[in-house]
């Protein structure tokens, strides 16, 4: 090694040692007897917040402490809302093992006319401004004990002014709506089963509505969950009003029934080791749709089993996407909507270069002789 390099390494090592000696630490038994109190006081001040809680440790909000029962019969919506209200951003919203019924009743202003499509008319007449069962408007970590032991079951009722139940009218209402505004950090959904009791729109709808796109620097993690949608909605639906999005979006080791739709979802996107399908017999969604992720440094779709009825993977205006070692299959009844292809990758004719550097490696693509194309490429380059 050259002398200059040796000198630089020595200087760097001395700098590290000097910084290390200035770090706060617990007093050493027998060595700090003359400075015990000062060292301990300094360490406690640095390691704890003003309220006494340890720094860097997320606060855990147990929904049972706010009245949730988890017995599958009692409506736990108000208790969960109270827990969310009490939680500071960055806290863990913890659901112990149980069956949590989240039921919300929507009231119409008047009785719908018979000549207007019912869901459309209900949407116009509904009294509430929001259109979800549970609203989460702060960055939290939703955590259960496991997809087989912790169930969040969304139920929607729509009633007219006479309190009569209106059936089959909830296709515009989400089960969980996560509305992200202000500076964002990190959010996660882990070890939960989330499903609607009847037809709804999206099971999880994540809306990144940030006025300053430069502040949207966050990580999204959805892992080890069972997510079920009903009707034409998606199990996971994320839209970002800006071209900048999550710093990283990771969706791993989930069972997803209803598909995944991500629009401007980040610089690094990993969707791996999931079992993905659509609603049997009625679904029209693509298993995975990535849209407008041109600026993503890396988008990886790998080791998934996808058997969605609306096509397996659809990339729209996305760059540097790796589609690796997936099982892609079409099943009857078929509703292949995007170019009638199992795997479709498309850019814009008038904006070349928006769909580029796509790697398709090691996939088992089985269209079952029901689609026009196993793979469709439109205005894409460097495949």
Protein backbone atom coordinates (compact mmCIF):
# COMPACT_ATOMS: atom_id res chain seq x y z
CA UNK A 1 0.00 0.00 0.00
CA UNK A 2 1.30 3.47 -0.85
CA UNK A 3 2.45 5.74 1.99
CA UNK A 4 -0.26 8.30 1.26
CA UNK A 5 -2.95 5.64 1.56
CA UNK A 6 -1.45 4.30 4.81
CA UNK A 7 -1.42 7.82 6.23
CA UNK A 8 -5.05 8.36 5.24
CA UNK A 9 -6.12 5.10 6.90
CA UNK A 10 -4.26 6.02 10.10
CA UNK A 11 -5.88 9.46 10.19
CA UNK A 12 -9.32 7.97 9.64
CA UNK A 13 -8.74 5.41 12.41
CA UNK A 14 -7.65 8.13 14.82
CA UNK A 15 -10.74 10.15 13.92
CA UNK A 16 -12.96 7.19 14.67
CA UNK A 17 -11.22 6.61 18.02
CA UNK A 18 -11.53 10.28 18.92
CA UNK A 19 -15.26 10.28 18.09
CA UNK A 20 -15.76 7.05 20.00
CA UNK A 21 -14.27 8.50 23.16
CA UNK A 22 -16.74 11.37 23.00
CA UNK A 23 -19.80 9.12 22.71
CA UNK A 24 -22.10 8.81 25.68
CA UNK A 25 -21.84 5.52 27.55
CA UNK A 26 -22.79 3.82 30.76
CA UNK A 27 -20.23 4.12 33.56
CA UNK A 28 -17.79 1.24 34.00
CA UNK A 29 -17.76 -0.46 37.36
CA UNK A 30 -14.50 0.25 39.18
CA UNK A 31 -13.18 2.60 36.50
CA UNK A 32 -15.50 5.61 36.70
CA UNK A 33 -16.02 5.91 40.44
CA UNK A 34 -15.14 9.62 40.44
CA UNK A 35 -17.42 10.44 37.47
CA UNK A 36 -20.20 7.88 37.89
CA UNK A 37 -23.13 10.28 38.29
CA UNK A 38 -22.18 12.60 35.41
CA UNK A 39 -21.69 9.73 32.94
CA UNK A 40 -24.97 8.06 33.90
CA UNK A 41 -26.92 11.34 33.70
CA UNK A 42 -25.48 12.14 30.25
CA UNK A 43 -26.30 8.67 28.95
CA UNK A 44 -29.88 8.81 30.20
CA UNK A 45 -30.45 12.22 28.62
CA UNK A 46 -29.19 11.07 25.22
CA UNK A 47 -30.90 7.65 25.26
CA UNK A 48 -34.34 8.89 26.36
CA UNK A 49 -36.85 11.45 25.17
CA UNK A 50 -38.18 14.17 27.41
CA UNK A 51 -41.15 11.98 28.41
CA UNK A 52 -38.82 9.21 29.60
CA UNK A 53 -39.38 6.83 26.66
CA UNK A 54 -36.38 5.28 24.92
CA UNK A 55 -35.38 6.98 21.69
CA UNK A 56 -35.73 4.87 18.56
CA UNK A 57 -38.27 2.52 20.14
CA UNK A 58 -41.73 2.71 18.58
CA UNK A 59 -44.64 3.14 20.94
CA UNK A 60 -47.02 0.17 20.88
CA UNK A 61 -50.74 0.95 20.94
CA UNK A 62 -52.76 -2.16 21.77
CA UNK A 63 -56.29 -1.86 20.38
CA UNK A 64 -57.57 -4.00 23.26
CA UNK A 65 -56.59 -1.18 25.65
CA UNK A 66 -59.12 1.05 23.87
CA UNK A 67 -62.04 -1.35 24.05
CA UNK A 68 -61.58 -3.67 21.05
CA UNK A 69 -62.83 -7.18 21.79
CA UNK A 70 -61.67 -9.26 18.83
CA UNK A 71 -64.58 -11.66 19.34
CA UNK A 72 -65.92 -11.40 15.78
CA UNK A 73 -69.36 -10.25 16.93
CA UNK A 74 -68.87 -6.86 18.58
CA UNK A 75 -68.25 -3.89 16.30
CA UNK A 76 -64.67 -2.85 17.15
CA UNK A 77 -64.53 0.11 14.75
CA UNK A 78 -64.89 2.83 17.39
CA UNK A 79 -62.24 1.22 19.60
CA UNK A 80 -59.76 0.98 16.73
CA UNK A 81 -60.47 4.59 15.75
CA UNK A 82 -59.78 5.65 19.35
CA UNK A 83 -56.47 3.77 19.30
CA UNK A 84 -55.47 5.49 16.05
CA UNK A 85 -56.39 8.86 17.52
CA UNK A 86 -54.20 8.20 20.57
CA UNK A 87 -51.21 6.90 18.58
CA UNK A 88 -48.33 9.18 17.71
CA UNK A 89 -46.96 8.98 14.15
CA UNK A 90 -44.55 6.08 13.90
CA UNK A 91 -46.31 4.01 16.57
CA UNK A 92 -47.22 0.34 16.23
CA UNK A 93 -50.98 -0.25 16.11
CA UNK A 94 -51.08 -3.75 17.55
CA UNK A 95 -53.91 -6.25 17.08
CA UNK A 96 -53.59 -9.29 19.36
CA UNK A 97 -54.98 -12.59 18.11
CA UNK A 98 -58.67 -12.30 17.39
CA UNK A 99 -61.42 -11.58 14.89
CA UNK A 100 -61.98 -7.81 14.72
CA UNK A 101 -65.24 -6.73 13.14
CA UNK A 102 -64.99 -3.25 11.62
CA UNK A 103 -68.52 -2.28 10.65
CA UNK A 104 -69.68 1.09 9.38
CA UNK A 105 -73.18 2.24 8.47
CA UNK A 106 -73.68 4.83 5.74
CA UNK A 107 -76.95 6.76 5.47
CA UNK A 108 -78.48 8.09 2.25
CA UNK A 109 -80.13 11.50 2.01
CA UNK A 110 -83.10 10.08 0.12
CA UNK A 111 -84.42 6.88 -1.38
CA UNK A 112 -82.66 6.18 -4.72
CA UNK A 113 -84.63 6.36 -7.93
CA UNK A 114 -85.16 3.05 -9.64
CA UNK A 115 -84.02 4.23 -13.08
CA UNK A 116 -80.49 5.15 -11.92
CA UNK A 117 -77.77 2.48 -11.43
CA UNK A 118 -77.83 1.77 -7.73
CA UNK A 119 -74.11 2.10 -6.76
CA UNK A 120 -73.80 5.36 -8.72
CA UNK A 121 -76.89 6.83 -7.07
CA UNK A 122 -75.83 5.70 -3.61
CA UNK A 123 -72.47 7.41 -4.07
CA UNK A 124 -74.23 10.68 -4.92
CA UNK A 125 -76.73 10.48 -2.06
CA UNK A 126 -74.52 9.31 0.76
CA UNK A 127 -74.33 11.73 3.69
CA UNK A 128 -70.74 11.02 4.73
CA UNK A 129 -67.95 12.79 2.85
CA UNK A 130 -65.44 10.00 3.36
CA UNK A 131 -65.84 6.70 1.57
CA UNK A 132 -64.10 4.12 3.73
CA UNK A 133 -64.73 1.94 6.75
CA UNK A 134 -61.48 2.81 8.53
CA UNK A 135 -59.40 5.94 7.86
CA UNK A 136 -55.74 6.07 8.87
CA UNK A 137 -54.35 9.56 8.38
CA UNK A 138 -50.98 9.17 10.05
CA UNK A 139 -47.96 6.94 9.52
CA UNK A 140 -48.44 3.83 11.65
CA UNK A 141 -47.24 0.25 11.72
CA UNK A 142 -50.24 -2.09 11.60
CA UNK A 143 -49.24 -5.37 13.18
CA UNK A 144 -50.96 -8.59 14.15
CA UNK A 145 -49.82 -11.95 15.45
CA UNK A 146 -50.18 -13.74 12.12
CA UNK A 147 -52.43 -13.92 9.08
CA UNK A 148 -54.04 -17.07 10.47
CA UNK A 149 -54.71 -15.63 13.93
CA UNK A 150 -55.51 -11.92 13.49
CA UNK A 151 -58.42 -11.02 11.20
CA UNK A 152 -59.71 -7.53 10.38
CA UNK A 153 -63.12 -8.01 8.77
CA UNK A 154 -64.65 -4.97 7.10
CA UNK A 155 -68.43 -4.74 6.88
CA UNK A 156 -70.43 -2.04 5.09
CA UNK A 157 -74.10 -1.23 5.48
CA UNK A 158 -75.93 1.38 3.41
CA UNK A 159 -79.40 2.40 4.58
CA UNK A 160 -82.00 4.80 3.28
CA UNK A 161 -83.67 7.52 5.44
CA UNK A 162 -86.22 4.93 6.59
CA UNK A 163 -83.40 2.72 7.87
CA UNK A 164 -84.07 0.13 5.17
CA UNK A 165 -80.98 -1.77 4.10
CA UNK A 166 -79.77 -1.13 0.52
CA UNK A 167 -78.02 -4.23 -0.79
CA UNK A 168 -75.19 -4.45 -3.36
CA UNK A 169 -74.40 -0.76 -3.19
CA UNK A 170 -70.94 -0.55 -1.59
CA UNK A 171 -68.68 -0.93 -4.64
CA UNK A 172 -67.27 2.61 -4.15
CA UNK A 173 -66.27 2.23 -0.49
CA UNK A 174 -62.82 1.08 0.71
CA UNK A 175 -62.20 -1.06 3.78
CA UNK A 176 -58.99 0.70 4.90
CA UNK A 177 -57.99 4.07 3.47
CA UNK A 178 -54.48 5.24 4.35
CA UNK A 179 -54.29 8.95 3.54
CA UNK A 180 -50.70 10.15 3.66
CA UNK A 181 -50.19 13.89 4.02
CA UNK A 182 -47.31 15.86 5.49
CA UNK A 183 -43.77 14.56 5.89
CA UNK A 184 -43.64 10.78 5.75
CA UNK A 185 -41.20 8.25 7.13
CA UNK A 186 -41.99 4.56 7.22
CA UNK A 187 -45.16 2.53 7.34
CA UNK A 188 -45.82 -1.18 7.45
CA UNK A 189 -48.63 -3.73 7.50
CA UNK A 190 -47.57 -7.11 8.83
CA UNK A 191 -49.04 -10.39 10.04
CA UNK A 192 -52.68 -9.50 9.41
CA UNK A 193 -55.60 -10.96 7.51
CA UNK A 194 -57.78 -8.18 6.07
CA UNK A 195 -60.94 -8.96 4.14
CA UNK A 196 -64.35 -7.45 3.37
CA UNK A 197 -67.46 -9.26 4.48
CA UNK A 198 -69.24 -8.29 1.25
CA UNK A 199 -68.61 -6.38 -1.97
CA UNK A 200 -66.55 -3.19 -1.64
CA UNK A 201 -63.98 -1.25 -3.66
CA UNK A 202 -60.34 -1.67 -2.47
CA UNK A 203 -59.31 -3.57 0.62
CA UNK A 204 -56.29 -1.30 1.27
CA UNK A 205 -56.24 2.05 -0.53
CA UNK A 206 -53.05 4.05 0.03
CA UNK A 207 -53.31 7.64 -1.16
CA UNK A 208 -50.05 9.62 -1.20
CA UNK A 209 -51.37 13.15 -1.24
CA UNK A 210 -48.28 15.22 -0.51
CA UNK A 211 -48.18 18.87 -1.47
CA UNK A 212 -44.39 18.93 -1.51
CA UNK A 213 -43.19 15.87 -3.41
CA UNK A 214 -39.65 16.31 -2.08
CA UNK A 215 -40.90 15.38 1.38
CA UNK A 216 -42.25 12.01 0.29
CA UNK A 217 -39.24 9.98 1.40
CA UNK A 218 -40.60 6.86 3.01
CA UNK A 219 -40.66 3.09 2.97
CA UNK A 220 -43.75 0.97 2.52
CA UNK A 221 -43.67 -2.62 3.75
CA UNK A 222 -46.56 -5.08 3.39
CA UNK A 223 -45.47 -8.50 4.55
CA UNK A 224 -46.82 -11.85 5.75
CA UNK A 225 -50.47 -10.86 5.22
CA UNK A 226 -53.60 -12.44 3.77
CA UNK A 227 -55.40 -9.71 1.80
CA UNK A 228 -58.71 -10.41 0.12
CA UNK A 229 -60.76 -8.06 -2.06
CA UNK A 230 -64.25 -8.46 -3.45
CA UNK A 231 -65.86 -7.20 -6.61
CA UNK A 232 -63.71 -5.19 -9.02
CA UNK A 233 -61.48 -3.54 -6.40
CA UNK A 234 -57.85 -4.35 -5.66
CA UNK A 235 -56.46 -5.90 -2.51
CA UNK A 236 -53.63 -3.30 -2.54
CA UNK A 237 -54.16 -0.04 -4.41
CA UNK A 238 -51.62 2.79 -4.19
CA UNK A 239 -51.77 6.09 -6.04
CA UNK A 240 -49.35 8.99 -5.78
CA UNK A 241 -50.33 12.42 -7.03
CA UNK A 242 -46.69 13.27 -7.79
CA UNK A 243 -44.01 11.61 -9.90
CA UNK A 244 -41.91 11.19 -6.75
CA UNK A 245 -43.08 8.52 -4.36
CA UNK A 246 -42.02 6.12 -1.68
CA UNK A 247 -38.28 5.69 -1.45
CA UNK A 248 -38.89 1.96 -1.35
CA UNK A 249 -42.01 -0.20 -1.64
CA UNK A 250 -41.67 -3.81 -0.50
CA UNK A 251 -44.55 -6.29 -0.80
CA UNK A 252 -43.32 -9.70 0.28
CA UNK A 253 -44.64 -13.13 1.33
CA UNK A 254 -48.32 -12.31 1.12
CA UNK A 255 -51.41 -14.10 -0.14
CA UNK A 256 -53.15 -11.46 -2.26
CA UNK A 257 -56.58 -12.19 -3.67
CA UNK A 258 -57.64 -9.27 -5.87
CA UNK A 259 -54.39 -7.99 -7.32
CA UNK A 260 -51.86 -5.21 -6.67
CA UNK A 261 -51.98 -1.78 -8.35
CA UNK A 262 -49.10 0.67 -7.79
CA UNK A 263 -48.94 4.10 -9.47
CA UNK A 264 -45.74 6.14 -8.90
CA UNK A 265 -44.81 3.92 -6.01
CA UNK A 266 -41.12 4.65 -5.56
CA UNK A 267 -37.46 4.49 -6.54
CA UNK A 268 -37.05 0.90 -5.41
CA UNK A 269 -39.94 -1.54 -5.75
CA UNK A 270 -39.74 -5.17 -4.68
CA UNK A 271 -42.68 -7.54 -5.06
CA UNK A 272 -41.44 -11.01 -4.15
CA UNK A 273 -42.57 -14.41 -2.89
CA UNK A 274 -46.30 -13.65 -3.07
CA UNK A 275 -49.23 -15.82 -4.08
CA UNK A 276 -51.46 -13.53 -6.15
CA UNK A 277 -54.82 -14.22 -7.73
CA UNK A 278 -58.00 -12.38 -8.62
CA UNK A 279 -61.50 -12.78 -7.22
CA UNK A 280 -62.58 -16.22 -8.52
CA UNK A 281 -65.06 -16.14 -11.38
CA UNK A 282 -65.67 -12.38 -11.35
CA UNK A 283 -62.30 -10.67 -11.13
CA UNK A 284 -61.00 -8.54 -13.99
CA UNK A 285 -57.84 -7.11 -12.38
CA UNK A 286 -54.29 -7.76 -13.40
CA UNK A 287 -52.29 -9.61 -10.77
CA UNK A 288 -49.64 -6.86 -10.61
CA UNK A 289 -49.89 -3.46 -12.30
CA UNK A 290 -46.93 -1.07 -12.12
CA UNK A 291 -47.65 2.31 -13.64
CA UNK A 292 -45.56 5.47 -14.14
CA UNK A 293 -42.45 4.18 -12.39
CA UNK A 294 -40.10 5.54 -15.05
CA UNK A 295 -37.73 7.01 -12.45
CA UNK A 296 -37.45 3.82 -10.41
CA UNK A 297 -33.87 2.72 -9.96
CA UNK A 298 -34.97 -0.87 -9.56
CA UNK A 299 -38.32 -2.63 -9.84
CA UNK A 300 -38.17 -6.34 -9.07
CA UNK A 301 -41.06 -8.78 -9.50
CA UNK A 302 -39.67 -12.16 -8.53
CA UNK A 303 -40.60 -15.60 -7.22
CA UNK A 304 -44.35 -14.95 -7.30
CA UNK A 305 -47.14 -17.30 -8.28
CA UNK A 306 -49.69 -15.22 -10.21
CA UNK A 307 -52.91 -16.67 -11.60
CA UNK A 308 -55.03 -13.53 -11.95
CA UNK A 309 -57.96 -13.63 -14.35
CA UNK A 310 -57.22 -10.20 -15.81
CA UNK A 311 -53.65 -10.98 -16.84
CA UNK A 312 -50.61 -11.64 -14.66
CA UNK A 313 -48.34 -8.57 -14.96
CA UNK A 314 -48.89 -5.21 -16.65
CA UNK A 315 -46.05 -2.65 -16.80
CA UNK A 316 -47.12 0.80 -18.02
CA UNK A 317 -44.38 3.39 -18.50
CA UNK A 318 -41.82 1.76 -16.26
CA UNK A 319 -38.05 1.41 -16.50
CA UNK A 320 -35.41 -1.03 -15.27
CA UNK A 321 -37.90 -3.68 -14.24
CA UNK A 322 -36.72 -7.20 -13.47
CA UNK A 323 -39.35 -9.94 -13.93
CA UNK A 324 -37.64 -13.02 -12.57
CA UNK A 325 -38.61 -16.64 -11.91
CA UNK A 326 -42.37 -16.17 -11.57
CA UNK A 327 -45.15 -18.66 -12.27
CA UNK A 328 -47.62 -16.83 -14.54
CA UNK A 329 -50.81 -18.59 -15.48
CA UNK A 330 -54.28 -17.85 -16.86
CA UNK A 331 -57.31 -19.70 -15.54
CA UNK A 332 -60.93 -19.89 -16.65
CA UNK A 333 -63.13 -17.93 -16.76
CA UNK A 334 -60.91 -15.56 -18.65
CA UNK A 335 -61.23 -11.79 -18.58
CA UNK A 336 -57.83 -10.88 -20.03
CA UNK A 337 -58.24 -7.15 -20.56
CA UNK A 338 -54.81 -5.63 -21.25
CA UNK A 339 -54.00 -6.42 -24.91
CA UNK A 340 -55.38 -9.90 -24.19
CA UNK A 341 -51.91 -10.78 -22.90
CA UNK A 342 -50.67 -12.64 -19.86
CA UNK A 343 -47.63 -10.34 -19.52
CA UNK A 344 -47.82 -6.87 -21.11
CA UNK A 345 -45.20 -4.10 -21.14
CA UNK A 346 -46.18 -0.79 -22.71
CA UNK A 347 -44.82 2.70 -23.18
CA UNK A 348 -46.23 5.70 -25.03
CA UNK A 349 -45.92 6.13 -28.78
CA UNK A 350 -45.38 9.89 -28.42
CA UNK A 351 -42.96 9.61 -25.48
CA UNK A 352 -40.23 7.11 -26.36
CA UNK A 353 -37.89 5.89 -23.65
CA UNK A 354 -40.50 5.52 -20.93
CA UNK A 355 -40.42 1.73 -20.96
CA UNK A 356 -36.87 0.44 -21.10
CA UNK A 357 -34.33 -2.05 -19.74
CA UNK A 358 -36.82 -4.78 -18.92
CA UNK A 359 -35.36 -8.15 -17.94
CA UNK A 360 -37.64 -11.21 -18.28
CA UNK A 361 -35.73 -14.22 -16.98
CA UNK A 362 -36.64 -17.72 -15.84
CA UNK A 363 -40.43 -17.31 -15.74
CA UNK A 364 -42.90 -20.13 -16.36
CA UNK A 365 -45.51 -18.46 -18.56
CA UNK A 366 -48.58 -20.61 -19.18
CA UNK A 367 -51.37 -18.84 -21.12
CA UNK A 368 -53.40 -22.07 -21.44
CA UNK A 369 -54.19 -21.24 -25.10
CA UNK A 370 -56.68 -18.59 -24.03
CA UNK A 371 -54.90 -15.32 -24.79
CA UNK A 372 -53.64 -13.67 -27.95
CA UNK A 373 -50.17 -13.08 -26.49
CA UNK A 374 -48.14 -14.72 -23.77
CA UNK A 375 -45.97 -11.56 -23.78
CA UNK A 376 -46.99 -8.27 -25.39
CA UNK A 377 -44.44 -5.48 -25.92
CA UNK A 378 -45.63 -2.05 -27.00
CA UNK A 379 -43.23 0.87 -27.49
CA UNK A 380 -40.70 -0.77 -25.19
CA UNK A 381 -36.95 -0.83 -25.67
CA UNK A 382 -33.94 -2.76 -24.36
CA UNK A 383 -35.88 -5.87 -23.40
